[in-house]
């Protein structure tokens, strides 16, 4: 019996992340259960690219994979 490996995908909101996700979704060995994104809680923006979180939510809705948002402080230490 074939069993897919469950995985979380680090979604940075950028084009490279989109391409990597596309390739991963083509691989039937894996199942992407969640998109994981870190957000700067002070600015309410994605830490990697500075995208506003409302646009992040629009991306997640279009991709149709559940997401997890990890909020980080302004200056994680």
PDB file of N, CA and C in Angstrom:
ATOM      1  N   UNK A   1       0.836  -1.192   0.000  1.00  0.00           N
ATOM      2  CA  UNK A   1       0.000   0.000   0.000  1.00  0.00           C
ATOM      3  C   UNK A   1       0.879   1.252   0.000  1.00  0.00           C
ATOM      4  N   UNK A   2       0.602   2.171  -0.913  1.00  0.00           N
ATOM      5  CA  UNK A   2       1.356   3.414  -1.042  1.00  0.00           C
ATOM      6  C   UNK A   2       0.851   4.425  -0.024  1.00  0.00           C
ATOM      7  N   UNK A   3       1.775   5.031   0.708  1.00  0.00           N
ATOM      8  CA  UNK A   3       1.409   6.046   1.692  1.00  0.00           C
ATOM      9  C   UNK A   3       2.219   7.309   1.427  1.00  0.00           C
ATOM     10  N   UNK A   4       1.507   8.421   1.234  1.00  0.00           N
ATOM     11  CA  UNK A   4       2.185   9.693   1.016  1.00  0.00           C
ATOM     12  C   UNK A   4       2.817  10.189   2.317  1.00  0.00           C
ATOM     13  N   UNK A   5       3.938  10.882   2.189  1.00  0.00           N
ATOM     14  CA  UNK A   5       4.585  11.518   3.330  1.00  0.00           C
ATOM     15  C   UNK A   5       3.926  12.874   3.541  1.00  0.00           C
ATOM     16  N   UNK A   6       3.409  13.094   4.736  1.00  0.00           N
ATOM     17  CA  UNK A   6       2.781  14.376   5.050  1.00  0.00           C
ATOM     18  C   UNK A   6       3.856  15.407   5.338  1.00  0.00           C
ATOM     19  N   UNK A   7       3.628  16.634   4.883  1.00  0.00           N
ATOM     20  CA  UNK A   7       4.614  17.682   5.086  1.00  0.00           C
ATOM     21  C   UNK A   7       3.953  19.040   5.252  1.00  0.00           C
ATOM     22  N   UNK A   8       4.659  19.931   5.913  1.00  0.00           N
ATOM     23  CA  UNK A   8       4.305  21.346   5.959  1.00  0.00           C
ATOM     24  C   UNK A   8       5.233  22.043   4.978  1.00  0.00           C
ATOM     25  N   UNK A   9       4.754  23.103   4.346  1.00  0.00           N
ATOM     26  CA  UNK A   9       5.565  23.821   3.379  1.00  0.00           C
ATOM     27  C   UNK A   9       5.782  25.245   3.873  1.00  0.00           C
ATOM     28  N   UNK A  10       7.047  25.679   3.912  1.00  0.00           N
ATOM     29  CA  UNK A  10       7.364  27.040   4.351  1.00  0.00           C
ATOM     30  C   UNK A  10       7.022  28.012   3.226  1.00  0.00           C
ATOM     31  N   UNK A  11       5.868  28.653   3.346  1.00  0.00           N
ATOM     32  CA  UNK A  11       5.357  29.550   2.307  1.00  0.00           C
ATOM     33  C   UNK A  11       5.834  30.973   2.591  1.00  0.00           C
ATOM     34  N   UNK A  12       6.739  31.474   1.737  1.00  0.00           N
ATOM     35  CA  UNK A  12       7.297  32.816   1.940  1.00  0.00           C
ATOM     36  C   UNK A  12       6.534  33.891   1.170  1.00  0.00           C
ATOM     37  N   UNK A  13       5.589  33.510   0.351  1.00  0.00           N
ATOM     38  CA  UNK A  13       4.738  34.371  -0.483  1.00  0.00           C
ATOM     39  C   UNK A  13       5.399  34.801  -1.784  1.00  0.00           C
ATOM     40  N   UNK A  14       6.633  34.393  -2.028  1.00  0.00           N
ATOM     41  CA  UNK A  14       7.342  34.836  -3.225  1.00  0.00           C
ATOM     42  C   UNK A  14       7.281  33.856  -4.383  1.00  0.00           C
ATOM     43  N   UNK A  15       7.846  34.263  -5.507  1.00  0.00           N
ATOM     44  CA  UNK A  15       7.801  33.460  -6.728  1.00  0.00           C
ATOM     45  C   UNK A  15       8.579  32.156  -6.593  1.00  0.00           C
ATOM     46  N   UNK A  16       9.708  32.183  -5.894  1.00  0.00           N
ATOM     47  CA  UNK A  16      10.485  30.952  -5.720  1.00  0.00           C
ATOM     48  C   UNK A  16       9.725  29.943  -4.864  1.00  0.00           C
ATOM     49  N   UNK A  17       9.043  30.444  -3.855  1.00  0.00           N
ATOM     50  CA  UNK A  17       8.225  29.579  -3.010  1.00  0.00           C
ATOM     51  C   UNK A  17       7.079  28.984  -3.825  1.00  0.00           C
ATOM     52  N   UNK A  18       6.486  29.791  -4.686  1.00  0.00           N
ATOM     53  CA  UNK A  18       5.388  29.315  -5.531  1.00  0.00           C
ATOM     54  C   UNK A  18       5.859  28.216  -6.479  1.00  0.00           C
ATOM     55  N   UNK A  19       7.034  28.396  -7.066  1.00  0.00           N
ATOM     56  CA  UNK A  19       7.558  27.387  -7.985  1.00  0.00           C
ATOM     57  C   UNK A  19       7.901  26.097  -7.240  1.00  0.00           C
ATOM     58  N   UNK A  20       8.523  26.227  -6.066  1.00  0.00           N
ATOM     59  CA  UNK A  20       8.865  25.044  -5.275  1.00  0.00           C
ATOM     60  C   UNK A  20       7.602  24.296  -4.854  1.00  0.00           C
ATOM     61  N   UNK A  21       6.568  25.029  -4.448  1.00  0.00           N
ATOM     62  CA  UNK A  21       5.303  24.392  -4.070  1.00  0.00           C
ATOM     63  C   UNK A  21       4.694  23.681  -5.276  1.00  0.00           C
ATOM     64  N   UNK A  22       4.731  24.313  -6.423  1.00  0.00           N
ATOM     65  CA  UNK A  22       4.205  23.695  -7.641  1.00  0.00           C
ATOM     66  C   UNK A  22       4.875  22.344  -7.893  1.00  0.00           C
ATOM     67  N   UNK A  23       6.202  22.320  -7.830  1.00  0.00           N
ATOM     68  CA  UNK A  23       6.929  21.067  -8.062  1.00  0.00           C
ATOM     69  C   UNK A  23       6.600  20.027  -6.990  1.00  0.00           C
ATOM     70  N   UNK A  24       6.507  20.456  -5.740  1.00  0.00           N
ATOM     71  CA  UNK A  24       6.200  19.521  -4.663  1.00  0.00           C
ATOM     72  C   UNK A  24       4.804  18.921  -4.839  1.00  0.00           C
ATOM     73  N   UNK A  25       3.848  19.725  -5.263  1.00  0.00           N
ATOM     74  CA  UNK A  25       2.486  19.222  -5.463  1.00  0.00           C
ATOM     75  C   UNK A  25       2.407  18.223  -6.616  1.00  0.00           C
ATOM     76  N   UNK A  26       3.370  18.270  -7.538  1.00  0.00           N
ATOM     77  CA  UNK A  26       3.415  17.308  -8.641  1.00  0.00           C
ATOM     78  C   UNK A  26       3.959  15.957  -8.201  1.00  0.00           C
ATOM     79  N   UNK A  27       4.679  15.941  -7.086  1.00  0.00           N
ATOM     80  CA  UNK A  27       5.305  14.719  -6.575  1.00  0.00           C
ATOM     81  C   UNK A  27       4.294  13.952  -5.720  1.00  0.00           C
ATOM     82  N   UNK A  28       3.836  12.835  -6.213  1.00  0.00           N
ATOM     83  CA  UNK A  28       2.792  12.061  -5.535  1.00  0.00           C
ATOM     84  C   UNK A  28       3.299  11.351  -4.274  1.00  0.00           C
ATOM     85  N   UNK A  29       4.600  11.472  -3.978  1.00  0.00           N
ATOM     86  CA  UNK A  29       5.139  10.890  -2.745  1.00  0.00           C
ATOM     87  C   UNK A  29       4.826  11.747  -1.522  1.00  0.00           C
ATOM     88  N   UNK A  30       4.397  13.000  -1.762  1.00  0.00           N
ATOM     89  CA  UNK A  30       4.178  13.945  -0.665  1.00  0.00           C
ATOM     90  C   UNK A  30       2.763  14.500  -0.681  1.00  0.00           C
ATOM     91  N   UNK A  31       2.304  14.813   0.515  1.00  0.00           N
ATOM     92  CA  UNK A  31       1.033  15.488   0.712  1.00  0.00           C
ATOM     93  C   UNK A  31       1.304  16.752   1.524  1.00  0.00           C
ATOM     94  N   UNK A  32       1.034  17.920   0.965  1.00  0.00           N
ATOM     95  CA  UNK A  32       1.246  19.177   1.680  1.00  0.00           C
ATOM     96  C   UNK A  32       0.001  19.447   2.519  1.00  0.00           C
ATOM     97  N   UNK A  33       0.159  19.297   3.837  1.00  0.00           N
ATOM     98  CA  UNK A  33      -0.979  19.467   4.735  1.00  0.00           C
ATOM     99  C   UNK A  33      -1.217  20.919   5.132  1.00  0.00           C
ATOM    100  N   UNK A  34      -0.146  21.699   5.235  1.00  0.00           N
ATOM    101  CA  UNK A  34      -0.254  23.096   5.654  1.00  0.00           C
ATOM    102  C   UNK A  34       0.820  23.936   4.993  1.00  0.00           C
ATOM    103  N   UNK A  35       0.484  25.189   4.778  1.00  0.00           N
ATOM    104  CA  UNK A  35       1.464  26.197   4.414  1.00  0.00           C
ATOM    105  C   UNK A  35       1.836  26.921   5.704  1.00  0.00           C
ATOM    106  N   UNK A  36       3.113  27.061   5.978  1.00  0.00           N
ATOM    107  CA  UNK A  36       3.599  27.696   7.193  1.00  0.00           C
ATOM    108  C   UNK A  36       4.289  29.000   6.823  1.00  0.00           C
ATOM    109  N   UNK A  37       3.850  30.103   7.432  1.00  0.00           N
ATOM    110  CA  UNK A  37       4.418  31.411   7.129  1.00  0.00           C
ATOM    111  C   UNK A  37       4.700  32.164   8.415  1.00  0.00           C
ATOM    112  N   UNK A  38       5.885  32.778   8.507  1.00  0.00           N
ATOM    113  CA  UNK A  38       6.195  33.620   9.657  1.00  0.00           C
ATOM    114  C   UNK A  38       5.836  35.063   9.337  1.00  0.00           C
ATOM    115  N   UNK A  39       5.287  35.733  10.352  1.00  0.00           N
ATOM    116  CA  UNK A  39       4.790  37.097  10.192  1.00  0.00           C
ATOM    117  C   UNK A  39       5.368  37.968  11.301  1.00  0.00           C
ATOM    118  N   UNK A  40       5.800  39.164  10.950  1.00  0.00           N
ATOM    119  CA  UNK A  40       6.228  40.140  11.940  1.00  0.00           C
ATOM    120  C   UNK A  40       4.964  40.705  12.583  1.00  0.00           C
ATOM    121  N   UNK A  41       4.752  40.396  13.850  1.00  0.00           N
ATOM    122  CA  UNK A  41       3.515  40.775  14.541  1.00  0.00           C
ATOM    123  C   UNK A  41       3.379  42.296  14.674  1.00  0.00           C
ATOM    124  N   UNK A  42       4.484  42.998  14.810  1.00  0.00           N
ATOM    125  CA  UNK A  42       4.439  44.459  14.976  1.00  0.00           C
ATOM    126  C   UNK A  42       3.942  45.150  13.709  1.00  0.00           C
ATOM    127  N   UNK A  43       4.443  44.723  12.562  1.00  0.00           N
ATOM    128  CA  UNK A  43       4.082  45.351  11.288  1.00  0.00           C
ATOM    129  C   UNK A  43       2.965  44.630  10.541  1.00  0.00           C
ATOM    130  N   UNK A  44       2.598  43.439  11.020  1.00  0.00           N
ATOM    131  CA  UNK A  44       1.543  42.653  10.385  1.00  0.00           C
ATOM    132  C   UNK A  44       1.883  42.353   8.917  1.00  0.00           C
ATOM    133  N   UNK A  45       3.147  41.943   8.720  1.00  0.00           N
ATOM    134  CA  UNK A  45       3.640  41.626   7.379  1.00  0.00           C
ATOM    135  C   UNK A  45       4.452  40.336   7.415  1.00  0.00           C
ATOM    136  N   UNK A  46       4.502  39.647   6.284  1.00  0.00           N
ATOM    137  CA  UNK A  46       5.292  38.427   6.157  1.00  0.00           C
ATOM    138  C   UNK A  46       6.763  38.788   6.350  1.00  0.00           C
ATOM    139  N   UNK A  47       7.460  38.025   7.190  1.00  0.00           N
ATOM    140  CA  UNK A  47       8.843  38.368   7.515  1.00  0.00           C
ATOM    141  C   UNK A  47       9.771  38.300   6.316  1.00  0.00           C
ATOM    142  N   UNK A  48       9.566  37.377   5.428  1.00  0.00           N
ATOM    143  CA  UNK A  48      10.496  37.165   4.317  1.00  0.00           C
ATOM    144  C   UNK A  48      10.402  38.261   3.256  1.00  0.00           C
ATOM    145  N   UNK A  49       9.201  38.640   2.855  1.00  0.00           N
ATOM    146  CA  UNK A  49       9.039  39.576   1.741  1.00  0.00           C
ATOM    147  C   UNK A  49       8.290  40.857   2.102  1.00  0.00           C
ATOM    148  N   UNK A  50       7.792  40.967   3.321  1.00  0.00           N
ATOM    149  CA  UNK A  50       7.101  42.179   3.733  1.00  0.00           C
ATOM    150  C   UNK A  50       5.688  42.310   3.187  1.00  0.00           C
ATOM    151  N   UNK A  51       5.149  41.244   2.643  1.00  0.00           N
ATOM    152  CA  UNK A  51       3.793  41.271   2.097  1.00  0.00           C
ATOM    153  C   UNK A  51       2.782  41.442   3.236  1.00  0.00           C
ATOM    154  N   UNK A  52       1.782  42.256   3.027  1.00  0.00           N
ATOM    155  CA  UNK A  52       0.736  42.433   4.044  1.00  0.00           C
ATOM    156  C   UNK A  52      -0.007  41.115   4.264  1.00  0.00           C
ATOM    157  N   UNK A  53      -0.433  40.887   5.500  1.00  0.00           N
ATOM    158  CA  UNK A  53      -1.073  39.610   5.818  1.00  0.00           C
ATOM    159  C   UNK A  53      -2.418  39.435   5.119  1.00  0.00           C
ATOM    160  N   UNK A  54      -3.097  40.531   4.758  1.00  0.00           N
ATOM    161  CA  UNK A  54      -4.349  40.357   4.014  1.00  0.00           C
ATOM    162  C   UNK A  54      -4.078  39.791   2.618  1.00  0.00           C
ATOM    163  N   UNK A  55      -2.949  40.160   2.026  1.00  0.00           N
ATOM    164  CA  UNK A  55      -2.586  39.569   0.730  1.00  0.00           C
ATOM    165  C   UNK A  55      -2.128  38.126   0.901  1.00  0.00           C
ATOM    166  N   UNK A  56      -1.453  37.840   2.004  1.00  0.00           N
ATOM    167  CA  UNK A  56      -1.095  36.454   2.325  1.00  0.00           C
ATOM    168  C   UNK A  56      -2.352  35.598   2.370  1.00  0.00           C
ATOM    169  N   UNK A  57      -3.376  36.080   3.040  1.00  0.00           N
ATOM    170  CA  UNK A  57      -4.622  35.306   3.139  1.00  0.00           C
ATOM    171  C   UNK A  57      -5.270  35.098   1.774  1.00  0.00           C
ATOM    172  N   UNK A  58      -5.175  36.074   0.896  1.00  0.00           N
ATOM    173  CA  UNK A  58      -5.705  35.903  -0.455  1.00  0.00           C
ATOM    174  C   UNK A  58      -4.933  34.825  -1.218  1.00  0.00           C
ATOM    175  N   UNK A  59      -3.616  34.808  -1.048  1.00  0.00           N
ATOM    176  CA  UNK A  59      -2.806  33.767  -1.682  1.00  0.00           C
ATOM    177  C   UNK A  59      -3.204  32.387  -1.169  1.00  0.00           C
ATOM    178  N   UNK A  60      -3.306  32.268   0.144  1.00  0.00           N
ATOM    179  CA  UNK A  60      -3.646  30.983   0.765  1.00  0.00           C
ATOM    180  C   UNK A  60      -5.013  30.502   0.283  1.00  0.00           C
ATOM    181  N   UNK A  61      -5.959  31.415   0.189  1.00  0.00           N
ATOM    182  CA  UNK A  61      -7.291  31.058  -0.294  1.00  0.00           C
ATOM    183  C   UNK A  61      -7.223  30.545  -1.735  1.00  0.00           C
ATOM    184  N   UNK A  62      -6.423  31.203  -2.565  1.00  0.00           N
ATOM    185  CA  UNK A  62      -6.300  30.790  -3.967  1.00  0.00           C
ATOM    186  C   UNK A  62      -5.593  29.440  -4.100  1.00  0.00           C
ATOM    187  N   UNK A  63      -4.612  29.192  -3.230  1.00  0.00           N
ATOM    188  CA  UNK A  63      -3.869  27.927  -3.281  1.00  0.00           C
ATOM    189  C   UNK A  63      -4.722  26.782  -2.746  1.00  0.00           C
ATOM    190  N   UNK A  64      -5.603  27.090  -1.804  1.00  0.00           N
ATOM    191  CA  UNK A  64      -6.537  26.116  -1.236  1.00  0.00           C
ATOM    192  C   UNK A  64      -5.835  25.005  -0.434  1.00  0.00           C
ATOM    193  N   UNK A  65      -4.837  25.420   0.347  1.00  0.00           N
ATOM    194  CA  UNK A  65      -4.183  24.534   1.309  1.00  0.00           C
ATOM    195  C   UNK A  65      -4.262  25.254   2.654  1.00  0.00           C
ATOM    196  N   UNK A  66      -4.647  24.575   3.731  1.00  0.00           N
ATOM    197  CA  UNK A  66      -4.713  25.238   5.035  1.00  0.00           C
ATOM    198  C   UNK A  66      -3.368  25.878   5.392  1.00  0.00           C
ATOM    199  N   UNK A  67      -3.429  26.928   6.207  1.00  0.00           N
ATOM    200  CA  UNK A  67      -2.191  27.628   6.549  1.00  0.00           C
ATOM    201  C   UNK A  67      -2.042  27.798   8.055  1.00  0.00           C
ATOM    202  N   UNK A  68      -0.795  27.952   8.443  1.00  0.00           N
ATOM    203  CA  UNK A  68      -0.444  28.259   9.825  1.00  0.00           C
ATOM    204  C   UNK A  68       0.409  29.519   9.774  1.00  0.00           C
ATOM    205  N   UNK A  69       0.037  30.504  10.569  1.00  0.00           N
ATOM    206  CA  UNK A  69       0.778  31.758  10.633  1.00  0.00           C
ATOM    207  C   UNK A  69       1.483  31.803  11.989  1.00  0.00           C
ATOM    208  N   UNK A  70       2.807  31.940  11.964  1.00  0.00           N
ATOM    209  CA  UNK A  70       3.593  32.050  13.187  1.00  0.00           C
ATOM    210  C   UNK A  70       3.979  33.516  13.353  1.00  0.00           C
ATOM    211  N   UNK A  71       3.462  34.141  14.420  1.00  0.00           N
ATOM    212  CA  UNK A  71       3.761  35.551  14.639  1.00  0.00           C
ATOM    213  C   UNK A  71       5.026  35.687  15.466  1.00  0.00           C
ATOM    214  N   UNK A  72       5.955  36.503  14.950  1.00  0.00           N
ATOM    215  CA  UNK A  72       7.212  36.775  15.623  1.00  0.00           C
ATOM    216  C   UNK A  72       7.229  38.221  16.102  1.00  0.00           C
ATOM    217  N   UNK A  73       7.941  38.510  17.197  1.00  0.00           N
ATOM    218  CA  UNK A  73       8.042  39.896  17.645  1.00  0.00           C
ATOM    219  C   UNK A  73       8.864  40.727  16.670  1.00  0.00           C
ATOM    220  N   UNK A  74       8.814  42.048  16.844  1.00  0.00           N
ATOM    221  CA  UNK A  74       9.522  42.953  15.936  1.00  0.00           C
ATOM    222  C   UNK A  74      11.015  42.614  15.860  1.00  0.00           C
ATOM    223  N   UNK A  75      11.628  42.334  16.983  1.00  0.00           N
ATOM    224  CA  UNK A  75      13.052  41.990  17.020  1.00  0.00           C
ATOM    225  C   UNK A  75      13.232  40.680  17.788  1.00  0.00           C
ATOM    226  N   UNK A  76      13.014  39.544  17.107  1.00  0.00           N
ATOM    227  CA  UNK A  76      13.182  38.268  17.821  1.00  0.00           C
ATOM    228  C   UNK A  76      14.618  38.138  18.330  1.00  0.00           C
ATOM    229  N   UNK A  77      14.741  37.658  19.528  1.00  0.00           N
ATOM    230  CA  UNK A  77      16.083  37.579  20.097  1.00  0.00           C
ATOM    231  C   UNK A  77      16.341  36.295  20.666  1.00  0.00           C
TER     232      UNK A  77
END
